[in-house]
Amino acid sequence: MRMRKKKHGAERLEACGEILLERPGEPIKSPEEIFGRGGELRLEIGCGKGGFACGMAEKHPEANFIALERVNDVMVVAVEKAMLKKEQRSADNLRFMIARAEDLSEIFEKSSVDVIYLNFSDPWPKKGHAKRRLTYRTFLNSYFSILKNGGKLCFKTDNKGLFDFTLEELAELGVECDYVTYDLHSSEYAENNVMTEYETNFSSQGIPICALSLTNKK
């Protein structure tokens, strides 16, 4: 379902300017450039309403988080939520950027990111739309390019078809996963899981969540 256009969206984004990044003129090389400090640089691609990014930034004050979203009206919700939750974060470690996954190589230097999160990406279920899926091999290769050696890619979805497709794409690239589960919340990997808004909704309906994690080996 397409989100209804937000009233005064541009003004509301501007009001949250302290946590909303502009596209950089040069690719980001390190968190010091954005946050003025070291530590891991973690990236969420397609942050939606921002619940996951806010939760992770609060839970991991030692890390630095950048959350990307391509839809302006969705980003309005995310940054306003992050501003409301600002006092809950013990570190100034969360920023947002309006950008597409296709633009990653222009935004981040090679081998600059420690962790990438893909949460509940659009499944693009039609066969002819496979190349649009954010786990299609060209996207995966772009993630591996900006990930450090030993960096992590974490993926969650409620869509089993997309999950199986992702596993097939990874196999074609010769990439092995650290773990794969078709029911995250009933698995041993659920303990430190931070849920997105979609995840909370799907789980309340009894829909199992598929998840995987892998280590980038260059």
Protein backbone atom coordinates (compact mmCIF):
# COMPACT_ATOMS: atom_id res chain seq x y z
CA MET A 1 0.00 0.00 0.00
CA ARG A 2 1.37 3.39 -1.01
CA MET A 3 1.75 5.85 1.86
CA ARG A 4 -0.50 8.91 1.67
CA LYS A 5 1.40 12.08 0.84
CA LYS A 6 2.43 13.93 3.97
CA LYS A 7 1.27 17.52 4.42
CA HIS A 8 4.15 20.00 4.61
CA GLY A 9 6.57 17.13 4.02
CA ALA A 10 9.48 19.31 2.91
CA GLU A 11 9.14 21.60 5.93
CA ARG A 12 8.92 18.64 8.28
CA LEU A 13 12.06 17.09 6.82
CA GLU A 14 13.87 20.42 7.17
CA ALA A 15 12.84 20.59 10.84
CA CYS A 16 14.68 17.29 11.37
CA GLY A 17 17.76 18.48 9.52
CA GLU A 18 20.14 17.71 12.36
CA ILE A 19 19.71 13.97 11.73
CA LEU A 20 18.97 14.06 7.97
CA LEU A 21 22.07 13.88 5.78
CA GLU A 22 22.41 15.33 2.32
CA ARG A 23 23.97 13.20 -0.38
CA PRO A 24 27.75 13.58 0.04
CA GLY A 25 29.86 15.14 -2.68
CA GLU A 26 32.44 12.41 -2.12
CA PRO A 27 31.82 8.84 -0.91
CA ILE A 28 31.80 8.42 2.88
CA LYS A 29 35.00 6.73 4.03
CA SER A 30 34.51 6.51 7.79
CA PRO A 31 32.03 7.34 10.57
CA GLU A 32 34.28 10.19 11.73
CA GLU A 33 33.12 12.19 8.72
CA ILE A 34 29.49 12.01 9.86
CA PHE A 35 29.53 11.40 13.60
CA GLY A 36 32.89 12.85 14.63
CA ARG A 37 33.93 9.59 16.25
CA GLY A 38 35.12 6.07 15.46
CA GLY A 39 33.30 2.78 15.91
CA GLU A 40 31.41 0.59 13.51
CA LEU A 41 29.46 2.07 10.61
CA ARG A 42 26.18 0.21 10.13
CA LEU A 43 23.76 0.80 7.28
CA GLU A 44 20.07 0.01 6.92
CA ILE A 45 18.77 -0.01 3.34
CA GLY A 46 15.06 0.80 3.19
CA CYS A 47 14.40 1.96 6.75
CA GLY A 48 10.65 2.45 6.35
CA LYS A 49 9.16 4.18 9.36
CA GLY A 50 12.44 4.06 11.28
CA GLY A 51 11.57 1.73 14.14
CA PHE A 52 14.46 -0.66 13.53
CA ALA A 53 17.04 2.09 13.10
CA CYS A 54 15.90 3.82 16.28
CA GLY A 55 15.89 0.58 18.24
CA MET A 56 19.34 -0.47 17.07
CA ALA A 57 20.88 2.95 17.69
CA GLU A 58 19.49 2.90 21.23
CA LYS A 59 20.62 -0.67 21.87
CA HIS A 60 24.13 -0.19 20.44
CA PRO A 61 25.45 3.25 21.46
CA GLU A 62 28.97 2.13 20.53
CA ALA A 63 28.03 1.84 16.83
CA ASN A 64 27.07 4.46 14.24
CA PHE A 65 23.94 4.01 12.09
CA ILE A 66 22.90 5.48 8.75
CA ALA A 67 19.41 4.57 7.53
CA LEU A 68 18.49 5.00 3.86
CA GLU A 69 14.97 5.43 2.48
CA ARG A 70 14.06 6.42 -1.07
CA VAL A 71 10.50 7.68 -0.43
CA ASN A 72 10.31 11.19 1.01
CA ASP A 73 6.91 10.73 2.66
CA VAL A 74 8.12 7.58 4.42
CA MET A 75 11.27 9.38 5.54
CA VAL A 76 9.16 12.09 7.17
CA VAL A 77 7.74 9.47 9.54
CA ALA A 78 11.17 7.95 10.22
CA VAL A 79 13.02 11.16 11.08
CA GLU A 80 10.18 12.53 13.19
CA LYS A 81 10.13 9.27 15.14
CA ALA A 82 13.90 9.45 15.59
CA MET A 83 13.68 13.02 16.86
CA LEU A 84 11.01 12.04 19.39
CA LYS A 85 13.24 9.19 20.60
CA LYS A 86 16.40 11.29 20.67
CA GLU A 87 16.59 11.42 24.47
CA GLN A 88 16.42 7.63 24.65
CA ARG A 89 19.71 7.33 22.78
CA SER A 90 22.77 7.67 24.97
CA ALA A 91 24.91 8.54 21.94
CA ASP A 92 24.41 10.81 18.94
CA ASN A 93 24.76 7.82 16.61
CA LEU A 94 21.86 7.89 14.14
CA ARG A 95 21.46 9.64 10.79
CA PHE A 96 19.07 9.26 7.85
CA MET A 97 19.49 9.85 4.13
CA ILE A 98 17.03 9.94 1.23
CA ALA A 99 18.69 7.69 -1.35
CA ARG A 100 18.28 4.54 -3.41
CA ALA A 101 20.14 1.25 -3.11
CA GLU A 102 21.32 1.79 -6.70
CA ASP A 103 23.38 4.75 -5.49
CA LEU A 104 25.42 3.01 -2.80
CA SER A 105 28.72 3.15 -4.65
CA GLU A 106 28.35 6.93 -4.94
CA ILE A 107 27.55 7.33 -1.23
CA PHE A 108 29.99 4.95 0.45
CA GLU A 109 33.65 4.23 -0.21
CA LYS A 110 34.60 0.62 -0.92
CA SER A 111 35.18 -1.42 2.25
CA SER A 112 33.81 1.32 4.53
CA VAL A 113 30.72 -0.31 6.09
CA ASP A 114 30.74 -2.88 8.89
CA VAL A 115 27.13 -4.13 8.77
CA ILE A 116 24.27 -3.85 6.25
CA TYR A 117 20.66 -4.56 7.21
CA LEU A 118 17.95 -5.39 4.67
CA ASN A 119 14.56 -5.59 6.35
CA PHE A 120 11.31 -6.53 4.59
CA SER A 121 12.34 -5.31 1.17
CA ASP A 122 9.74 -5.14 -1.62
CA PRO A 123 9.51 -8.75 -2.93
CA TRP A 124 8.73 -7.72 -6.52
CA PRO A 125 6.89 -11.05 -6.98
CA LYS A 126 6.53 -10.98 -10.77
CA LYS A 127 9.19 -13.07 -12.50
CA GLY A 128 10.07 -10.25 -14.87
CA HIS A 129 10.86 -7.97 -11.93
CA ALA A 130 13.60 -10.15 -10.42
CA LYS A 131 16.32 -7.60 -11.17
CA ARG A 132 14.50 -5.04 -9.02
CA ARG A 133 14.73 -7.19 -5.89
CA LEU A 134 17.25 -5.83 -3.42
CA THR A 135 18.79 -9.29 -3.12
CA TYR A 136 19.34 -9.72 -6.86
CA ARG A 137 23.00 -10.50 -7.58
CA THR A 138 23.91 -7.03 -8.86
CA PHE A 139 22.64 -5.49 -5.61
CA LEU A 140 24.39 -8.16 -3.55
CA ASN A 141 27.68 -7.43 -5.29
CA SER A 142 27.27 -3.72 -4.56
CA TYR A 143 26.77 -4.54 -0.87
CA PHE A 144 29.87 -6.73 -0.82
CA SER A 145 31.83 -3.89 -2.44
CA ILE A 146 31.10 -1.36 0.32
CA LEU A 147 31.29 -3.92 3.14
CA LYS A 148 34.59 -4.42 4.88
CA ASN A 149 36.29 -7.79 4.77
CA GLY A 150 34.57 -9.61 7.63
CA GLY A 151 31.57 -7.27 7.50
CA LYS A 152 28.05 -8.63 7.92
CA LEU A 153 24.93 -8.63 5.75
CA CYS A 154 21.70 -9.34 7.64
CA PHE A 155 18.39 -9.96 5.86
CA LYS A 156 14.83 -10.41 7.19
CA THR A 157 11.57 -10.94 5.33
CA ASP A 158 8.12 -12.43 5.76
CA ASN A 159 8.12 -13.46 2.10
CA LYS A 160 9.34 -17.05 1.69
CA GLY A 161 9.53 -16.70 -2.08
CA LEU A 162 11.89 -13.74 -1.79
CA PHE A 163 13.91 -15.57 0.86
CA ASP A 164 14.36 -18.65 -1.32
CA PHE A 165 15.26 -16.41 -4.26
CA THR A 166 17.90 -14.72 -2.08
CA LEU A 167 19.43 -18.04 -1.09
CA GLU A 168 19.59 -19.04 -4.76
CA GLU A 169 21.30 -15.76 -5.70
CA LEU A 170 23.84 -16.18 -2.91
CA ALA A 171 24.54 -19.75 -4.01
CA GLU A 172 25.12 -18.53 -7.58
CA LEU A 173 27.68 -16.08 -6.22
CA GLY A 174 29.33 -18.81 -4.16
CA VAL A 175 28.46 -17.12 -0.87
CA GLU A 176 27.76 -19.18 2.24
CA CYS A 177 25.58 -17.94 5.10
CA ASP A 178 26.49 -17.93 8.77
CA TYR A 179 22.91 -18.90 9.56
CA VAL A 180 19.58 -19.37 7.80
CA THR A 181 16.21 -19.69 9.54
CA TYR A 182 12.65 -19.80 8.27
CA ASP A 183 11.27 -18.93 11.71
CA LEU A 184 13.46 -16.32 13.35
CA HIS A 185 11.33 -15.76 16.44
CA SER A 186 11.39 -19.47 17.33
CA SER A 187 15.11 -19.80 16.69
CA GLU A 188 18.24 -19.31 18.77
CA TYR A 189 18.89 -16.08 16.84
CA ALA A 190 15.84 -14.26 18.24
CA GLU A 191 17.45 -13.15 21.51
CA ASN A 192 19.04 -9.94 20.23
CA ASN A 193 16.54 -9.26 17.45
CA VAL A 194 15.13 -5.74 17.10
CA MET A 195 11.80 -5.76 15.28
CA THR A 196 10.61 -3.43 12.54
CA GLU A 197 7.05 -2.14 12.32
CA TYR A 198 6.30 -4.67 9.58
CA GLU A 199 7.80 -7.46 11.64
CA THR A 200 5.67 -6.64 14.66
CA ASN A 201 2.55 -6.66 12.50
CA PHE A 202 3.38 -9.91 10.70
CA SER A 203 4.37 -11.68 13.90
CA SER A 204 1.12 -10.69 15.59
CA GLN A 205 -0.65 -12.51 12.74
CA GLY A 206 1.41 -15.65 13.28
CA ILE A 207 3.44 -15.16 10.09
CA PRO A 208 6.96 -16.61 10.50
CA ILE A 209 9.93 -14.38 9.76
CA CYS A 210 12.75 -15.66 7.56
CA ALA A 211 16.25 -14.43 8.31
CA LEU A 212 19.86 -14.95 7.35
CA SER A 213 23.25 -13.50 8.13
CA LEU A 214 26.51 -13.80 6.23
CA THR A 215 30.08 -12.63 6.51
CA ASN A 216 31.72 -10.81 3.62
CA LYS A 217 34.88 -12.64 2.60
CA LYS A 218 36.92 -10.75 0.00
